[in-house]
Amino acid sequence: MRITHVITRLIVGGAQENTVASVLGLRRKPGLEVDLISGPSIGPEGSLETSVQELSGTVILLPELVRPIHPLKDWIALRRLTRMFERMRPAVVHTHSGKAGLLGRLAAERAGVPIIVHTIHGPSFGAFQGAVANWTFRAAERRAGRVTTHFVSVVDAMTAQYLAAGIGRPEQFTTIRSGFDLEPYLNAGNDASFRRRWGFSEDDVIVGKIARICRLKGHDDLFAAAPRIVERCPRVRFLLVGDGEWRARFEERARSEGMAKHFVFAGLVPPAEVPSLVGIMDLLVHLSLREGLARALPQALAAGKPVVAYDCDGAREVCLDNRTGFLLRAGDRAGLVDSVCRLASDSELRARMGREGRDLVRAQFGVQQMVDALYELYGRLAAARGLAFP
C-alpha cells in the first residue's frame, strides 16, 4: 500500500520533524511504500533536507509548492499534485501544514485518492490575526475539510478549535501526540564543559527558550520581564535557541537596556545539538501566542526541566500547572516574573516538577508510539473502505 505525505517546507520546525519521523517510521512497517512531497525549504528557520539522509529517494521536490499565497504557483502546484497522485496511485494522501494541507487534499480528491488524512499541527485561524484573514482561512479549511477522510490532531485543543469552527465531525478526529526520539533528552546531562562553551558558569540559573525569533513567539514579553527577573534573581541568564527576522532587533534591545550579559543567542543549531542545550537549562519558558504544541515543551520535560508556558492551544496538555511547571494567562508578564523567580530560587521544586514532566512525556511522546498509532489509523480507515491493508 502506498502512503504519500505532503508538506509545504522541510524547514527546522516541529511539524516538519514530526512528518520526517512519521515517514521514516512508516517506511519500516511491512507492506507500505511511503513517499514525501515537499516544496522548497526556503526561510531563516534552516532546512531539514541535509539532515535526513535516510529519506534519500523518498522526497519529491515540488518547486511551485510555496508558503506565501501565489495564485499562479498555487494553480500549478494543484495541477502537478493531481497528476502525481494519478500516476502514483496512493491509497492514502496524508497532508501537513497550511498550503500543502489545502492543495494536497484538493488534489487528492481530484485524483480519486480513497483516503485523505490531514494532521493539524497548529491553528490557521484564531485571535493572533485579523478578521479578514480568519474568514479566509476558515473558509479554506472548511472546503478542504469536506474532502478529508480523517484528521489527526497533535493535541486535543486542535480538535476542539476545528469543531468549534464547523470543520469536520467528532468521529473524524484522532489525537496522536507528536512523538520524537526521547533518549537524547532523557539522557541529557547538565554538562559543565558544555555550559562553559556557551559562556555560562556552574552557578548560573539558565532560563531557556527554543523558538524562532519572530512575531507571536513571545520574545517581547520575555525581554520586558527580564530586568525584573534579574533584579530579583541575579544568577539568572537567558539562553535563546533559534533564529529569525527579529533577532537583530532583540540583540540591540539587550545591548541598549544593559542586559546583554544576561542573554546568549545560540542562533540556529542542528536538531541533534538541541538535547545538549536543553540539558544545561534549568527551566524553559514558552510564550507563544500561536502553537498547536511546541515540541520544546515535551522536549524540556523529557530532560527533567520544568516549564513556564502561556495557556495557548495545547500547552496545558503538558504544562500541568503546579505539577510540571506554571501555566500563565497569555501576556501575564507579572506572573512570568514570579514563576521564573520561584523556579530559579528553588532547586527542589525544579527537580520535583521535572520528574513528573519526564514521566508524562515518556508515557505519551515516544516516536514509535506515534508511528504505531498512525499505522493503526491507516488500517482502520482502509478497513472501513474495504481496502486491503497493508
Protein backbone atom coordinates (compact mmCIF):
# COMPACT_ATOMS: atom_id res chain seq x y z
CA MET A 1 0.00 0.00 0.00
CA ARG A 2 1.36 3.41 -0.95
CA ILE A 3 1.18 6.29 1.53
CA THR A 4 2.11 9.76 0.28
CA HIS A 5 2.78 12.58 2.73
CA VAL A 6 2.74 16.21 1.58
CA ILE A 7 4.23 19.20 3.41
CA THR A 8 4.90 22.78 2.37
CA ARG A 9 8.54 23.06 3.52
CA LEU A 10 11.14 20.85 5.21
CA ILE A 11 12.42 23.61 7.44
CA VAL A 12 13.61 23.10 11.02
CA GLY A 13 10.36 23.01 12.96
CA GLY A 14 8.01 20.79 14.92
CA ALA A 15 5.58 19.94 12.10
CA GLN A 16 8.45 19.10 9.79
CA GLU A 17 10.30 16.95 12.33
CA ASN A 18 7.01 15.16 13.06
CA THR A 19 6.47 14.49 9.36
CA VAL A 20 10.01 13.23 8.74
CA ALA A 21 9.83 10.94 11.79
CA SER A 22 6.46 9.62 10.63
CA VAL A 23 7.72 8.88 7.12
CA LEU A 24 10.90 7.20 8.37
CA GLY A 25 8.97 5.09 10.88
CA LEU A 26 6.23 4.08 8.45
CA ARG A 27 8.81 3.04 5.85
CA ARG A 28 9.90 0.33 8.29
CA LYS A 29 6.40 -1.10 8.54
CA PRO A 30 5.75 -4.19 6.41
CA GLY A 31 3.81 -3.76 3.21
CA LEU A 32 4.00 0.05 2.99
CA GLU A 33 5.58 2.25 0.34
CA VAL A 34 5.93 5.77 1.72
CA ASP A 35 6.72 8.96 -0.23
CA LEU A 36 7.07 12.58 0.82
CA ILE A 37 6.31 15.56 -1.41
CA SER A 38 7.65 18.92 -0.24
CA GLY A 39 8.00 22.44 -1.51
CA PRO A 40 11.36 24.24 -1.37
CA SER A 41 12.83 24.67 2.11
CA ILE A 42 13.36 28.44 1.98
CA GLY A 43 13.44 30.57 5.11
CA PRO A 44 15.54 31.70 8.08
CA GLU A 45 14.49 28.64 10.10
CA GLY A 46 17.04 26.36 8.38
CA SER A 47 16.44 23.21 6.38
CA LEU A 48 15.98 19.58 7.39
CA GLU A 49 16.82 18.31 3.91
CA THR A 50 20.52 17.74 4.54
CA SER A 51 19.92 16.09 7.92
CA VAL A 52 17.51 13.41 6.71
CA GLN A 53 19.76 11.31 4.52
CA GLU A 54 17.58 8.29 5.22
CA LEU A 55 14.88 9.93 3.09
CA SER A 56 17.09 9.83 0.01
CA GLY A 57 14.94 8.71 -2.91
CA THR A 58 11.76 9.29 -0.94
CA VAL A 59 11.41 13.09 -1.05
CA ILE A 60 9.92 14.59 -4.20
CA LEU A 61 10.51 18.34 -4.56
CA LEU A 62 7.68 20.43 -5.97
CA PRO A 63 9.10 23.94 -6.61
CA GLU A 64 5.69 25.57 -7.03
CA LEU A 65 4.52 24.48 -3.57
CA VAL A 66 5.47 27.70 -1.77
CA ARG A 67 4.30 29.01 1.58
CA PRO A 68 3.04 32.51 0.59
CA ILE A 69 -0.19 32.85 -1.39
CA HIS A 70 0.80 32.95 -5.06
CA PRO A 71 -2.16 32.35 -7.40
CA LEU A 72 -0.12 31.17 -10.40
CA LYS A 73 2.22 28.89 -8.47
CA ASP A 74 -0.69 27.60 -6.36
CA TRP A 75 -2.63 26.68 -9.51
CA ILE A 76 0.41 24.94 -11.00
CA ALA A 77 1.08 23.11 -7.73
CA LEU A 78 -2.52 21.91 -7.58
CA ARG A 79 -2.32 20.56 -11.15
CA ARG A 80 1.05 18.91 -10.58
CA LEU A 81 -0.06 17.30 -7.33
CA THR A 82 -3.18 15.97 -9.04
CA ARG A 83 -1.11 14.43 -11.81
CA MET A 84 1.37 12.97 -9.32
CA PHE A 85 -1.41 11.29 -7.37
CA GLU A 86 -2.98 9.97 -10.57
CA ARG A 87 0.36 8.48 -11.59
CA MET A 88 1.48 7.21 -8.16
CA ARG A 89 -1.99 5.98 -7.12
CA PRO A 90 -1.52 6.19 -3.34
CA ALA A 91 -4.16 4.60 -1.14
CA VAL A 92 -3.57 7.38 1.41
CA VAL A 93 -2.56 11.01 0.97
CA HIS A 94 -1.57 12.49 4.31
CA THR A 95 -1.06 16.26 4.33
CA HIS A 96 0.68 18.60 6.77
CA SER A 97 0.80 22.41 7.18
CA GLY A 98 -1.44 25.08 5.70
CA LYS A 99 -0.67 25.38 2.00
CA ALA A 100 0.15 21.71 1.46
CA GLY A 101 -2.85 20.78 3.55
CA LEU A 102 -5.21 22.72 1.29
CA LEU A 103 -3.71 21.98 -2.13
CA GLY A 104 -2.78 18.41 -1.25
CA ARG A 105 -6.26 17.46 -0.12
CA LEU A 106 -7.99 19.12 -3.09
CA ALA A 107 -5.58 17.42 -5.49
CA ALA A 108 -6.14 14.06 -3.79
CA GLU A 109 -9.89 14.47 -4.19
CA ARG A 110 -9.47 15.28 -7.90
CA ALA A 111 -7.22 12.25 -8.38
CA GLY A 112 -9.69 9.92 -6.69
CA VAL A 113 -7.46 9.01 -3.73
CA PRO A 114 -9.63 6.84 -1.45
CA ILE A 115 -8.25 8.03 1.93
CA ILE A 116 -7.28 11.63 2.65
CA VAL A 117 -5.77 12.41 6.06
CA HIS A 118 -4.68 15.80 7.39
CA THR A 119 -2.61 16.48 10.51
CA ILE A 120 -3.41 19.70 12.38
CA HIS A 121 -0.06 20.79 13.79
CA GLY A 122 -1.31 24.27 14.69
CA PRO A 123 -4.24 26.58 14.04
CA SER A 124 -4.50 28.51 10.77
CA PHE A 125 -7.06 30.85 12.34
CA GLY A 126 -7.51 32.47 15.72
CA ALA A 127 -7.08 35.62 17.81
CA PHE A 128 -3.50 36.06 16.58
CA GLN A 129 -4.69 37.56 13.26
CA GLY A 130 -7.39 39.83 11.86
CA ALA A 131 -10.99 39.14 10.88
CA VAL A 132 -10.39 39.04 7.12
CA ALA A 133 -7.54 36.54 7.41
CA ASN A 134 -9.57 34.41 9.82
CA TRP A 135 -12.56 34.34 7.49
CA THR A 136 -10.34 33.36 4.57
CA PHE A 137 -8.52 30.58 6.39
CA ARG A 138 -11.68 29.20 7.98
CA ALA A 139 -13.36 29.09 4.57
CA ALA A 140 -10.36 27.32 3.06
CA GLU A 141 -10.23 24.79 5.91
CA ARG A 142 -13.97 24.11 5.62
CA ARG A 143 -13.59 23.49 1.90
CA ALA A 144 -10.67 21.12 2.41
CA GLY A 145 -12.43 19.58 5.39
CA ARG A 146 -15.29 18.41 3.20
CA VAL A 147 -12.95 16.08 1.31
CA THR A 148 -10.93 14.96 4.33
CA THR A 149 -11.46 11.39 5.44
CA HIS A 150 -9.84 11.89 8.84
CA PHE A 151 -7.99 14.50 10.88
CA VAL A 152 -5.03 13.83 13.14
CA SER A 153 -4.64 16.40 15.94
CA VAL A 154 -1.34 16.70 17.77
CA VAL A 155 -3.30 17.91 20.82
CA ASP A 156 -6.94 17.76 21.88
CA ALA A 157 -7.08 21.57 21.69
CA MET A 158 -6.81 21.44 17.88
CA THR A 159 -9.80 19.12 17.64
CA ALA A 160 -11.85 21.47 19.81
CA GLN A 161 -10.90 24.51 17.75
CA TYR A 162 -11.71 22.90 14.41
CA LEU A 163 -15.04 21.51 15.59
CA ALA A 164 -15.96 24.93 17.02
CA ALA A 165 -15.22 26.43 13.60
CA GLY A 166 -17.59 23.98 11.94
CA ILE A 167 -14.86 21.84 10.39
CA GLY A 168 -15.38 18.09 10.49
CA ARG A 169 -17.32 15.85 12.86
CA PRO A 170 -16.08 14.48 16.21
CA GLU A 171 -15.70 10.93 14.89
CA GLN A 172 -13.31 12.23 12.18
CA PHE A 173 -10.64 13.28 14.69
CA THR A 174 -7.92 11.28 16.40
CA THR A 175 -5.31 12.78 18.71
CA ILE A 176 -1.81 11.42 18.07
CA ARG A 177 0.95 13.14 20.02
CA SER A 178 3.88 14.48 18.03
CA GLY A 179 6.43 11.87 19.01
CA PHE A 180 10.19 12.25 18.95
CA ASP A 181 13.29 10.30 19.91
CA LEU A 182 13.15 10.52 23.70
CA GLU A 183 16.53 9.00 24.55
CA PRO A 184 18.74 12.04 23.81
CA TYR A 185 16.54 14.15 26.11
CA LEU A 186 16.11 11.54 28.83
CA ASN A 187 19.89 11.24 28.92
CA ALA A 188 20.68 14.95 28.56
CA GLY A 189 23.01 15.98 31.37
CA ASN A 190 23.98 19.33 32.83
CA ASP A 191 27.48 19.20 31.35
CA ALA A 192 29.79 21.79 32.91
CA SER A 193 32.08 21.92 29.90
CA PHE A 194 29.12 22.45 27.57
CA ARG A 195 27.96 25.28 29.85
CA ARG A 196 31.37 26.91 29.59
CA ARG A 197 31.31 26.53 25.80
CA TRP A 198 28.25 28.79 25.74
CA GLY A 199 29.65 31.20 28.32
CA PHE A 200 27.76 30.01 31.41
CA SER A 201 29.15 29.27 34.84
CA GLU A 202 28.07 26.41 37.08
CA ASP A 203 26.30 28.92 39.34
CA ASP A 204 24.16 30.45 36.61
CA VAL A 205 20.47 29.55 36.53
CA ILE A 206 19.79 29.14 32.83
CA VAL A 207 16.32 30.00 31.58
CA GLY A 208 15.93 28.60 28.07
CA LYS A 209 13.64 29.49 25.21
CA ILE A 210 13.53 27.48 21.98
CA ALA A 211 11.65 29.23 19.20
CA ARG A 212 12.02 31.19 16.01
CA ILE A 213 12.73 34.82 16.87
CA CYS A 214 9.74 36.39 15.19
CA ARG A 215 6.22 37.64 15.78
CA LEU A 216 3.89 35.64 18.05
CA LYS A 217 6.68 33.71 19.78
CA GLY A 218 6.64 35.86 22.92
CA HIS A 219 10.17 37.26 22.94
CA ASP A 220 8.82 40.75 23.65
CA ASP A 221 7.27 39.53 26.89
CA LEU A 222 10.46 37.77 27.92
CA PHE A 223 12.58 40.86 27.32
CA ALA A 224 10.06 43.05 29.16
CA ALA A 225 10.16 40.70 32.17
CA ALA A 226 13.92 40.07 32.12
CA PRO A 227 15.08 43.17 34.11
CA ARG A 228 12.68 42.38 36.95
CA ILE A 229 13.67 38.71 36.91
CA VAL A 230 17.37 39.57 37.10
CA GLU A 231 16.76 42.15 39.82
CA ARG A 232 15.12 39.50 41.99
CA CYS A 233 17.30 36.58 40.87
CA PRO A 234 20.72 37.93 39.81
CA ARG A 235 22.05 34.46 38.89
CA VAL A 236 19.51 34.08 36.06
CA ARG A 237 20.75 34.14 32.49
CA PHE A 238 18.75 33.51 29.34
CA LEU A 239 19.61 31.09 26.52
CA LEU A 240 17.72 31.73 23.29
CA VAL A 241 17.83 28.88 20.77
CA GLY A 242 16.60 29.73 17.30
CA ASP A 243 16.92 32.40 14.65
CA GLY A 244 14.57 34.65 12.75
CA GLU A 245 13.93 38.06 11.28
CA TRP A 246 13.67 39.74 14.70
CA ARG A 247 16.97 38.50 16.10
CA ALA A 248 18.92 41.71 15.39
CA ARG A 249 16.15 43.73 17.00
CA PHE A 250 16.40 41.78 20.25
CA GLU A 251 20.19 41.75 20.27
CA GLU A 252 20.07 45.54 20.05
CA ARG A 253 17.42 45.69 22.76
CA ALA A 254 19.58 43.61 25.09
CA ARG A 255 22.51 45.99 24.50
CA SER A 256 20.50 49.19 24.84
CA GLU A 257 18.85 48.04 28.09
CA GLY A 258 22.11 46.89 29.67
CA MET A 259 21.01 43.25 29.58
CA ALA A 260 23.47 41.91 27.01
CA LYS A 261 25.46 39.92 29.58
CA HIS A 262 22.29 38.12 30.65
CA PHE A 263 21.33 36.90 27.15
CA VAL A 264 23.04 34.30 25.00
CA PHE A 265 21.77 33.97 21.43
CA ALA A 266 22.63 30.45 20.31
CA GLY A 267 21.06 31.00 16.90
CA LEU A 268 20.09 28.17 14.63
CA VAL A 269 21.59 24.89 15.81
CA PRO A 270 21.37 21.41 14.27
CA PRO A 271 18.47 19.40 15.74
CA ALA A 272 20.98 16.85 17.08
CA GLU A 273 22.51 19.55 19.30
CA VAL A 274 19.23 20.64 20.89
CA PRO A 275 19.20 17.91 23.61
CA SER A 276 22.61 19.07 24.88
CA LEU A 277 21.36 22.66 25.06
CA VAL A 278 18.21 21.58 26.89
CA GLY A 279 20.43 19.60 29.25
CA ILE A 280 22.21 22.72 30.53
CA MET A 281 18.96 24.64 31.02
CA ASP A 282 17.43 24.79 34.47
CA LEU A 283 13.96 25.61 33.16
CA LEU A 284 12.30 26.53 29.89
CA VAL A 285 9.84 29.29 29.06
CA HIS A 286 7.42 29.07 26.16
CA LEU A 287 5.43 32.23 25.48
CA SER A 288 4.00 31.64 22.02
CA LEU A 289 0.58 33.05 21.11
CA ARG A 290 0.02 30.50 18.34
CA GLU A 291 1.12 26.90 18.58
CA GLY A 292 -0.53 23.50 18.37
CA LEU A 293 2.01 22.15 20.80
CA ALA A 294 5.58 23.36 20.62
CA ARG A 295 7.99 20.40 20.69
CA ALA A 296 10.18 22.45 23.03
CA LEU A 297 7.74 21.78 25.88
CA PRO A 298 7.79 17.96 25.86
CA GLN A 299 11.49 18.01 24.96
CA ALA A 300 12.31 20.09 28.04
CA LEU A 301 10.11 17.90 30.21
CA ALA A 302 11.75 14.75 28.84
CA ALA A 303 15.05 16.20 30.07
CA GLY A 304 13.54 16.76 33.51
CA LYS A 305 13.24 20.54 33.15
CA PRO A 306 10.14 22.35 34.41
CA VAL A 307 8.39 24.75 32.05
CA VAL A 308 6.65 28.10 32.25
CA ALA A 309 4.14 28.49 29.43
CA TYR A 310 1.32 30.67 28.27
CA ASP A 311 -2.04 28.92 28.19
CA CYS A 312 -2.16 28.80 24.41
CA ASP A 313 -3.65 25.99 22.33
CA GLY A 314 -2.24 22.67 23.58
CA ALA A 315 0.29 23.94 26.14
CA ARG A 316 -1.98 23.00 29.07
CA GLU A 317 -1.89 19.35 27.97
CA VAL A 318 1.76 19.07 29.03
CA CYS A 319 2.33 22.13 31.22
CA LEU A 320 0.24 20.96 34.16
CA ASP A 321 0.01 23.95 36.48
CA ASN A 322 1.96 23.48 39.72
CA ARG A 323 2.88 19.95 38.63
CA THR A 324 5.17 20.07 35.57
CA GLY A 325 5.52 23.85 35.59
CA PHE A 326 3.48 27.02 35.72
CA LEU A 327 0.70 27.80 33.23
CA LEU A 328 0.01 31.51 32.76
CA ARG A 329 -2.60 33.61 31.07
CA ALA A 330 -1.16 34.87 27.78
CA GLY A 331 0.54 38.21 28.32
CA ASP A 332 0.83 37.83 32.10
CA ARG A 333 4.27 39.37 32.49
CA ALA A 334 3.98 39.73 36.26
CA GLY A 335 3.16 36.04 36.50
CA LEU A 336 6.11 35.29 34.24
CA VAL A 337 8.46 37.14 36.59
CA ASP A 338 7.07 35.39 39.66
CA SER A 339 7.09 31.92 38.10
CA VAL A 340 10.62 32.14 36.74
CA CYS A 341 11.96 33.53 40.01
CA ARG A 342 10.16 30.89 42.06
CA LEU A 343 11.73 28.10 39.99
CA ALA A 344 15.13 29.81 39.80
CA SER A 345 15.35 30.01 43.57
CA ASP A 346 14.08 26.50 44.39
CA SER A 347 16.11 23.59 43.02
CA GLU A 348 13.93 21.03 44.82
CA LEU A 349 10.81 22.43 43.14
CA ARG A 350 12.55 22.24 39.78
CA ALA A 351 13.51 18.63 40.42
CA ARG A 352 10.00 17.62 41.53
CA MET A 353 8.30 19.21 38.55
CA GLY A 354 10.94 17.84 36.23
CA ARG A 355 10.34 14.28 37.43
CA GLU A 356 6.59 14.48 36.85
CA GLY A 357 7.12 16.06 33.45
CA ARG A 358 9.55 13.34 32.44
CA ASP A 359 7.07 10.62 33.43
CA LEU A 360 4.29 12.32 31.42
CA VAL A 361 6.37 12.65 28.27
CA ARG A 362 7.84 9.16 28.50
CA ALA A 363 4.30 7.75 28.54
CA GLN A 364 2.92 9.81 25.64
CA PHE A 365 5.57 11.13 23.26
CA GLY A 366 7.70 8.22 22.06
CA VAL A 367 8.27 8.32 18.31
CA GLN A 368 7.41 4.64 17.91
CA GLN A 369 4.16 5.25 19.75
CA MET A 370 3.28 7.92 17.16
CA VAL A 371 4.21 5.72 14.21
CA ASP A 372 2.24 2.77 15.58
CA ALA A 373 -0.82 4.98 16.11
CA LEU A 374 -0.64 6.24 12.51
CA TYR A 375 -0.26 2.69 11.21
CA GLU A 376 -3.30 1.58 13.22
CA LEU A 377 -5.30 4.57 11.95
CA TYR A 378 -4.48 3.82 8.31
CA GLY A 379 -5.53 0.21 8.85
CA ARG A 380 -8.82 1.26 10.41
CA LEU A 381 -9.58 3.72 7.59
CA ALA A 382 -8.65 1.14 4.93
CA ALA A 383 -10.92 -1.48 6.50
CA ALA A 384 -13.83 0.97 6.51
CA ARG A 385 -13.41 1.33 2.73
CA GLY A 386 -12.88 -2.33 2.02
CA LEU A 387 -9.21 -1.87 1.11
CA ALA A 388 -6.56 -4.47 1.83
CA PHE A 389 -4.10 -3.34 4.49
CA PRO A 390 -1.19 -3.30 4.33
